Amino acid sequence: MKKYAVASTLILATLSAAPAFANNVDWFVGGGIGYQNDSIKQEGIFNNHSKNTESATYQLRAGAIINDHHRVTGTYSYFDDKYTSGVTGLENKQTQNMFLASYDYLIPVHQNINLFAGVSAGFADNKIETGLLGMKADSTDFVWGGQVGAQYNIDNNWSTDLTYRVLDQDYDKLSNKVDYTQQVVWSLDYKF
């Protein structure tokens, strides 16, 4: 429950403080593609296993850059992968839809290059289909974490990011627990 309170406080503080320093706001939309790795722990009657699912992630995002240093972003991402269950030996399929709100602080290091670090919180809808009798378990759970990366401003309207993000997850169904998610994503944004 503490995670919900901390994340809610961070998001509300960011959103409520934004108008106070919003002299210069650049709105943007964009998309990205990258690599995602989810750590899945499996608990069986006689043994426990850990698996990693890894595949491409696809993202759509929109947000605002405030006074050239503060960025608030809403992101939707999609991910799916298949893995062999260490408990049953059958193939499982994981599908994930994630909705995140993020805050990044942009640090200029060159004329067109910013480094950034920030926090993210939101929800992940995970569905795992087991090879055992085709059982499915779907759950929408809270996720939270942080990200670091670099942004290159191509011109006044276009920019590109390379981001590394780690998120803690709470999915725990059908003896499968999604422990955490790692992402490396390249994105392209249009500012207007």
C-alpha atoms as a PDB file:
ATOM      1  CA  MET A   1       0.000   0.000   0.000  1.00  0.00           C
ATOM      2  CA  LYS A   2       2.937   2.335   0.636  1.00  0.00           C
ATOM      3  CA  LYS A   3       3.910   2.049  -3.048  1.00  0.00           C
ATOM      4  CA  TYR A   4       0.504   3.418  -4.072  1.00  0.00           C
ATOM      5  CA  ALA A   5       0.811   6.355  -1.687  1.00  0.00           C
ATOM      6  CA  VAL A   6       4.345   7.248  -2.800  1.00  0.00           C
ATOM      7  CA  ALA A   7       3.513   6.991  -6.512  1.00  0.00           C
ATOM      8  CA  SER A   8       0.278   8.950  -6.124  1.00  0.00           C
ATOM      9  CA  THR A   9       2.083  11.693  -4.209  1.00  0.00           C
ATOM     10  CA  LEU A  10       4.811  11.973  -6.875  1.00  0.00           C
ATOM     11  CA  ILE A  11       2.329  12.111  -9.738  1.00  0.00           C
ATOM     12  CA  LEU A  12       0.047  14.635  -8.036  1.00  0.00           C
ATOM     13  CA  ALA A  13       2.995  16.840  -7.009  1.00  0.00           C
ATOM     14  CA  THR A  14       4.344  16.835 -10.562  1.00  0.00           C
ATOM     15  CA  LEU A  15       0.991  17.605 -12.153  1.00  0.00           C
ATOM     16  CA  SER A  16       0.009  20.286  -9.650  1.00  0.00           C
ATOM     17  CA  ALA A  17       3.408  22.023  -9.794  1.00  0.00           C
ATOM     18  CA  ALA A  18       3.523  22.107 -13.593  1.00  0.00           C
ATOM     19  CA  PRO A  19       1.325  25.222 -14.073  1.00  0.00           C
ATOM     20  CA  ALA A  20       3.450  27.205 -11.604  1.00  0.00           C
ATOM     21  CA  PHE A  21       6.544  27.051 -13.799  1.00  0.00           C
ATOM     22  CA  ALA A  22       4.917  26.635 -17.208  1.00  0.00           C
ATOM     23  CA  ASN A  23       6.275  29.716 -18.975  1.00  0.00           C
ATOM     24  CA  ASN A  24       7.489  27.671 -21.925  1.00  0.00           C
ATOM     25  CA  VAL A  25       5.697  24.418 -22.792  1.00  0.00           C
ATOM     26  CA  ASP A  26       6.445  22.213 -25.809  1.00  0.00           C
ATOM     27  CA  TRP A  27       3.824  19.489 -26.404  1.00  0.00           C
ATOM     28  CA  PHE A  28       4.929  16.306 -28.157  1.00  0.00           C
ATOM     29  CA  VAL A  29       3.692  12.972 -29.519  1.00  0.00           C
ATOM     30  CA  GLY A  30       5.791  10.017 -30.550  1.00  0.00           C
ATOM     31  CA  GLY A  31       6.408   6.328 -30.697  1.00  0.00           C
ATOM     32  CA  GLY A  32       9.134   3.891 -29.881  1.00  0.00           C
ATOM     33  CA  ILE A  33      10.397   0.363 -30.285  1.00  0.00           C
ATOM     34  CA  GLY A  34      12.762  -1.542 -28.081  1.00  0.00           C
ATOM     35  CA  TYR A  35      13.700  -4.607 -26.074  1.00  0.00           C
ATOM     36  CA  GLN A  36      11.828  -5.764 -22.973  1.00  0.00           C
ATOM     37  CA  ASN A  37      12.832  -8.422 -20.432  1.00  0.00           C
ATOM     38  CA  ASP A  38      10.409  -9.602 -17.734  1.00  0.00           C
ATOM     39  CA  SER A  39      11.607 -11.716 -14.794  1.00  0.00           C
ATOM     40  CA  ILE A  40       9.031 -14.414 -14.017  1.00  0.00           C
ATOM     41  CA  LYS A  41       9.227 -16.580 -10.916  1.00  0.00           C
ATOM     42  CA  GLN A  42       7.359 -19.892 -11.010  1.00  0.00           C
ATOM     43  CA  GLU A  43       6.377 -21.728  -7.869  1.00  0.00           C
ATOM     44  CA  GLY A  44       5.609 -25.443  -8.116  1.00  0.00           C
ATOM     45  CA  ILE A  45       4.669 -27.997  -5.512  1.00  0.00           C
ATOM     46  CA  PHE A  46       8.150 -29.513  -5.399  1.00  0.00           C
ATOM     47  CA  ASN A  47      10.372 -26.823  -6.901  1.00  0.00           C
ATOM     48  CA  ASN A  48      10.680 -23.173  -7.922  1.00  0.00           C
ATOM     49  CA  HIS A  49      11.986 -21.785 -11.215  1.00  0.00           C
ATOM     50  CA  SER A  50      12.876 -18.389 -12.631  1.00  0.00           C
ATOM     51  CA  LYS A  51      12.319 -17.531 -16.276  1.00  0.00           C
ATOM     52  CA  ASN A  52      12.935 -14.445 -18.368  1.00  0.00           C
ATOM     53  CA  THR A  53      10.597 -13.483 -21.173  1.00  0.00           C
ATOM     54  CA  GLU A  54      12.185 -11.197 -23.732  1.00  0.00           C
ATOM     55  CA  SER A  55      10.956  -9.707 -26.955  1.00  0.00           C
ATOM     56  CA  ALA A  56      10.218  -6.414 -28.675  1.00  0.00           C
ATOM     57  CA  THR A  57       8.125  -3.725 -27.000  1.00  0.00           C
ATOM     58  CA  TYR A  58       6.118  -1.159 -28.970  1.00  0.00           C
ATOM     59  CA  GLN A  59       5.220   2.205 -27.451  1.00  0.00           C
ATOM     60  CA  LEU A  60       3.057   5.263 -28.124  1.00  0.00           C
ATOM     61  CA  ARG A  61       3.573   8.385 -26.015  1.00  0.00           C
ATOM     62  CA  ALA A  62       2.544  11.989 -25.576  1.00  0.00           C
ATOM     63  CA  GLY A  63       3.424  14.727 -23.132  1.00  0.00           C
ATOM     64  CA  ALA A  64       4.942  18.118 -22.457  1.00  0.00           C
ATOM     65  CA  ILE A  65       8.411  19.573 -21.930  1.00  0.00           C
ATOM     66  CA  ILE A  66       8.185  22.464 -19.466  1.00  0.00           C
ATOM     67  CA  ASN A  67      10.877  25.188 -19.389  1.00  0.00           C
ATOM     68  CA  ASP A  68      13.320  22.922 -21.269  1.00  0.00           C
ATOM     69  CA  HIS A  69      14.104  20.879 -18.106  1.00  0.00           C
ATOM     70  CA  HIS A  70      10.927  19.112 -16.943  1.00  0.00           C
ATOM     71  CA  ARG A  71       9.186  16.455 -19.030  1.00  0.00           C
ATOM     72  CA  VAL A  72       5.860  14.800 -18.200  1.00  0.00           C
ATOM     73  CA  THR A  73       4.906  11.829 -20.397  1.00  0.00           C
ATOM     74  CA  GLY A  74       2.027   9.377 -20.754  1.00  0.00           C
ATOM     75  CA  THR A  75       3.064   6.088 -22.397  1.00  0.00           C
ATOM     76  CA  TYR A  76       1.226   3.018 -23.690  1.00  0.00           C
ATOM     77  CA  SER A  77       3.351  -0.065 -24.410  1.00  0.00           C
ATOM     78  CA  TYR A  78       2.630  -3.558 -25.760  1.00  0.00           C
ATOM     79  CA  PHE A  79       4.711  -6.710 -25.229  1.00  0.00           C
ATOM     80  CA  ASP A  80       4.201 -10.452 -25.754  1.00  0.00           C
ATOM     81  CA  ASP A  81       6.397 -13.547 -25.571  1.00  0.00           C
ATOM     82  CA  LYS A  82       6.274 -17.332 -25.128  1.00  0.00           C
ATOM     83  CA  TYR A  83       8.333 -19.302 -22.623  1.00  0.00           C
ATOM     84  CA  THR A  84       8.617 -22.892 -21.415  1.00  0.00           C
ATOM     85  CA  SER A  85       7.270 -23.431 -17.931  1.00  0.00           C
ATOM     86  CA  GLY A  86       9.841 -24.799 -15.499  1.00  0.00           C
ATOM     87  CA  VAL A  87       7.008 -26.278 -13.423  1.00  0.00           C
ATOM     88  CA  THR A  88       4.991 -28.133 -16.120  1.00  0.00           C
ATOM     89  CA  GLY A  89       7.437 -28.160 -19.066  1.00  0.00           C
ATOM     90  CA  LEU A  90       4.662 -26.784 -21.304  1.00  0.00           C
ATOM     91  CA  GLU A  91       4.703 -23.547 -23.279  1.00  0.00           C
ATOM     92  CA  ASN A  92       3.207 -20.426 -21.653  1.00  0.00           C
ATOM     93  CA  LYS A  93       2.354 -17.151 -23.369  1.00  0.00           C
ATOM     94  CA  GLN A  94       2.597 -13.739 -21.726  1.00  0.00           C
ATOM     95  CA  THR A  95       0.826 -10.659 -23.132  1.00  0.00           C
ATOM     96  CA  GLN A  96       1.247  -7.250 -21.493  1.00  0.00           C
ATOM     97  CA  ASN A  97      -0.381  -3.838 -22.019  1.00  0.00           C
ATOM     98  CA  MET A  98       1.180  -1.119 -19.874  1.00  0.00           C
ATOM     99  CA  PHE A  99       0.043   2.456 -19.145  1.00  0.00           C
ATOM    100  CA  LEU A 100       2.626   4.737 -17.481  1.00  0.00           C
ATOM    101  CA  ALA A 101       2.851   8.338 -16.307  1.00  0.00           C
ATOM    102  CA  SER A 102       6.474   9.546 -16.130  1.00  0.00           C
ATOM    103  CA  TYR A 103       8.414  12.567 -14.984  1.00  0.00           C
ATOM    104  CA  ASP A 104      11.968  13.230 -16.256  1.00  0.00           C
ATOM    105  CA  TYR A 105      14.434  15.965 -15.390  1.00  0.00           C
ATOM    106  CA  LEU A 106      16.397  16.976 -18.519  1.00  0.00           C
ATOM    107  CA  ILE A 107      20.058  17.939 -18.060  1.00  0.00           C
ATOM    108  CA  PRO A 108      21.649  19.730 -21.057  1.00  0.00           C
ATOM    109  CA  VAL A 109      25.168  18.480 -21.813  1.00  0.00           C
ATOM    110  CA  HIS A 110      25.612  19.861 -25.351  1.00  0.00           C
ATOM    111  CA  GLN A 111      23.770  22.180 -27.723  1.00  0.00           C
ATOM    112  CA  ASN A 112      21.382  19.425 -28.932  1.00  0.00           C
ATOM    113  CA  ILE A 113      21.888  16.685 -26.302  1.00  0.00           C
ATOM    114  CA  ASN A 114      20.153  16.215 -22.942  1.00  0.00           C
ATOM    115  CA  LEU A 115      20.655  13.466 -20.399  1.00  0.00           C
ATOM    116  CA  PHE A 116      17.624  12.631 -18.251  1.00  0.00           C
ATOM    117  CA  ALA A 117      16.546  10.699 -15.182  1.00  0.00           C
ATOM    118  CA  GLY A 118      13.075  10.226 -13.798  1.00  0.00           C
ATOM    119  CA  VAL A 119      10.332   8.154 -12.219  1.00  0.00           C
ATOM    120  CA  SER A 120       7.370   6.236 -13.669  1.00  0.00           C
ATOM    121  CA  ALA A 121       4.190   4.789 -12.225  1.00  0.00           C
ATOM    122  CA  GLY A 122       1.092   3.228 -13.722  1.00  0.00           C
ATOM    123  CA  PHE A 123      -0.633  -0.049 -14.460  1.00  0.00           C
ATOM    124  CA  ALA A 124       0.265  -3.219 -16.344  1.00  0.00           C
ATOM    125  CA  ASP A 125      -2.376  -5.602 -17.637  1.00  0.00           C
ATOM    126  CA  ASN A 126      -0.636  -8.991 -17.797  1.00  0.00           C
ATOM    127  CA  LYS A 127      -2.259 -12.095 -19.238  1.00  0.00           C
ATOM    128  CA  ILE A 128      -0.511 -15.456 -18.947  1.00  0.00           C
ATOM    129  CA  GLU A 129      -1.907 -18.462 -20.816  1.00  0.00           C
ATOM    130  CA  THR A 130      -0.556 -21.771 -19.568  1.00  0.00           C
ATOM    131  CA  GLY A 131      -0.088 -24.850 -21.712  1.00  0.00           C
ATOM    132  CA  LEU A 132      -1.837 -26.829 -18.962  1.00  0.00           C
ATOM    133  CA  LEU A 133      -5.472 -27.198 -20.091  1.00  0.00           C
ATOM    134  CA  GLY A 134      -5.296 -23.764 -21.743  1.00  0.00           C
ATOM    135  CA  MET A 135      -5.788 -21.932 -18.441  1.00  0.00           C
ATOM    136  CA  LYS A 136      -5.582 -18.113 -18.579  1.00  0.00           C
ATOM    137  CA  ALA A 137      -5.055 -15.573 -15.826  1.00  0.00           C
ATOM    138  CA  ASP A 138      -5.436 -11.846 -16.445  1.00  0.00           C
ATOM    139  CA  SER A 139      -4.639  -9.181 -13.863  1.00  0.00           C
ATOM    140  CA  THR A 140      -4.165  -5.411 -13.894  1.00  0.00           C
ATOM    141  CA  ASP A 141      -1.589  -4.398 -11.295  1.00  0.00           C
ATOM    142  CA  PHE A 142       0.332  -1.340 -10.146  1.00  0.00           C
ATOM    143  CA  VAL A 143       3.859  -0.840 -11.574  1.00  0.00           C
ATOM    144  CA  TRP A 144       6.479   1.716 -10.581  1.00  0.00           C
ATOM    145  CA  GLY A 145      10.138   2.412 -11.227  1.00  0.00           C
ATOM    146  CA  GLY A 146      12.557   4.756 -12.898  1.00  0.00           C
ATOM    147  CA  GLN A 147      14.425   5.500 -16.090  1.00  0.00           C
ATOM    148  CA  VAL A 148      17.582   7.151 -17.384  1.00  0.00           C
ATOM    149  CA  GLY A 149      18.619   8.042 -20.891  1.00  0.00           C
ATOM    150  CA  ALA A 150      19.709  10.541 -23.489  1.00  0.00           C
ATOM    151  CA  GLN A 151      17.753  12.831 -25.800  1.00  0.00           C
ATOM    152  CA  TYR A 152      19.014  14.258 -29.097  1.00  0.00           C
ATOM    153  CA  ASN A 153      17.163  17.269 -30.566  1.00  0.00           C
ATOM    154  CA  ILE A 154      17.321  16.797 -34.338  1.00  0.00           C
ATOM    155  CA  ASP A 155      15.768  20.218 -35.045  1.00  0.00           C
ATOM    156  CA  ASN A 156      13.092  22.474 -33.509  1.00  0.00           C
ATOM    157  CA  ASN A 157      10.335  19.872 -34.015  1.00  0.00           C
ATOM    158  CA  TRP A 158      11.952  16.425 -33.945  1.00  0.00           C
ATOM    159  CA  SER A 159      13.844  14.675 -31.171  1.00  0.00           C
ATOM    160  CA  THR A 160      14.901  11.123 -30.409  1.00  0.00           C
ATOM    161  CA  ASP A 161      15.478   9.331 -27.090  1.00  0.00           C
ATOM    162  CA  LEU A 162      17.328   6.237 -25.954  1.00  0.00           C
ATOM    163  CA  THR A 163      15.879   5.117 -22.600  1.00  0.00           C
ATOM    164  CA  TYR A 164      16.648   2.386 -20.055  1.00  0.00           C
ATOM    165  CA  ARG A 165      13.742   1.728 -17.633  1.00  0.00           C
ATOM    166  CA  VAL A 166      13.260  -0.676 -14.692  1.00  0.00           C
ATOM    167  CA  LEU A 167       9.781  -1.320 -13.260  1.00  0.00           C
ATOM    168  CA  ASP A 168       8.608  -3.344 -10.266  1.00  0.00           C
ATOM    169  CA  GLN A 169       5.504  -5.465 -10.946  1.00  0.00           C
ATOM    170  CA  ASP A 170       2.914  -7.203  -8.746  1.00  0.00           C
ATOM    171  CA  TYR A 171       1.371  -9.849 -11.067  1.00  0.00           C
ATOM    172  CA  ASP A 172       0.967 -13.189  -9.221  1.00  0.00           C
ATOM    173  CA  LYS A 173      -1.410 -15.734 -10.821  1.00  0.00           C
ATOM    174  CA  LEU A 174      -1.339 -19.449 -11.793  1.00  0.00           C
ATOM    175  CA  SER A 175       2.005 -19.985 -10.003  1.00  0.00           C
ATOM    176  CA  ASN A 176       3.586 -17.257 -12.187  1.00  0.00           C
ATOM    177  CA  LYS A 177       4.827 -14.033 -10.614  1.00  0.00           C
ATOM    178  CA  VAL A 178       6.092 -11.149 -12.798  1.00  0.00           C
ATOM    179  CA  ASP A 179       8.788  -9.722 -10.539  1.00  0.00           C
ATOM    180  CA  TYR A 180      10.218  -6.836 -12.570  1.00  0.00           C
ATOM    181  CA  THR A 181      10.527  -5.438 -16.097  1.00  0.00           C
ATOM    182  CA  GLN A 182      13.553  -3.956 -17.872  1.00  0.00           C
ATOM    183  CA  GLN A 183      13.239  -1.981 -21.113  1.00  0.00           C
ATOM    184  CA  VAL A 184      15.662  -0.385 -23.558  1.00  0.00           C
ATOM    185  CA  VAL A 185      13.648   1.780 -25.967  1.00  0.00           C
ATOM    186  CA  TRP A 186      14.497   4.052 -28.891  1.00  0.00           C
ATOM    187  CA  SER A 187      11.764   6.625 -29.554  1.00  0.00           C
ATOM    188  CA  LEU A 188      11.092   9.456 -31.985  1.00  0.00           C
ATOM    189  CA  ASP A 189       8.979  12.465 -30.947  1.00  0.00           C
ATOM    190  CA  TYR A 190       7.404  15.396 -32.781  1.00  0.00           C
ATOM    191  CA  LYS A 191       7.125  18.669 -30.828  1.00  0.00           C
ATOM    192  CA  PHE A 192       4.429  21.208 -31.755  1.00  0.00           C
END
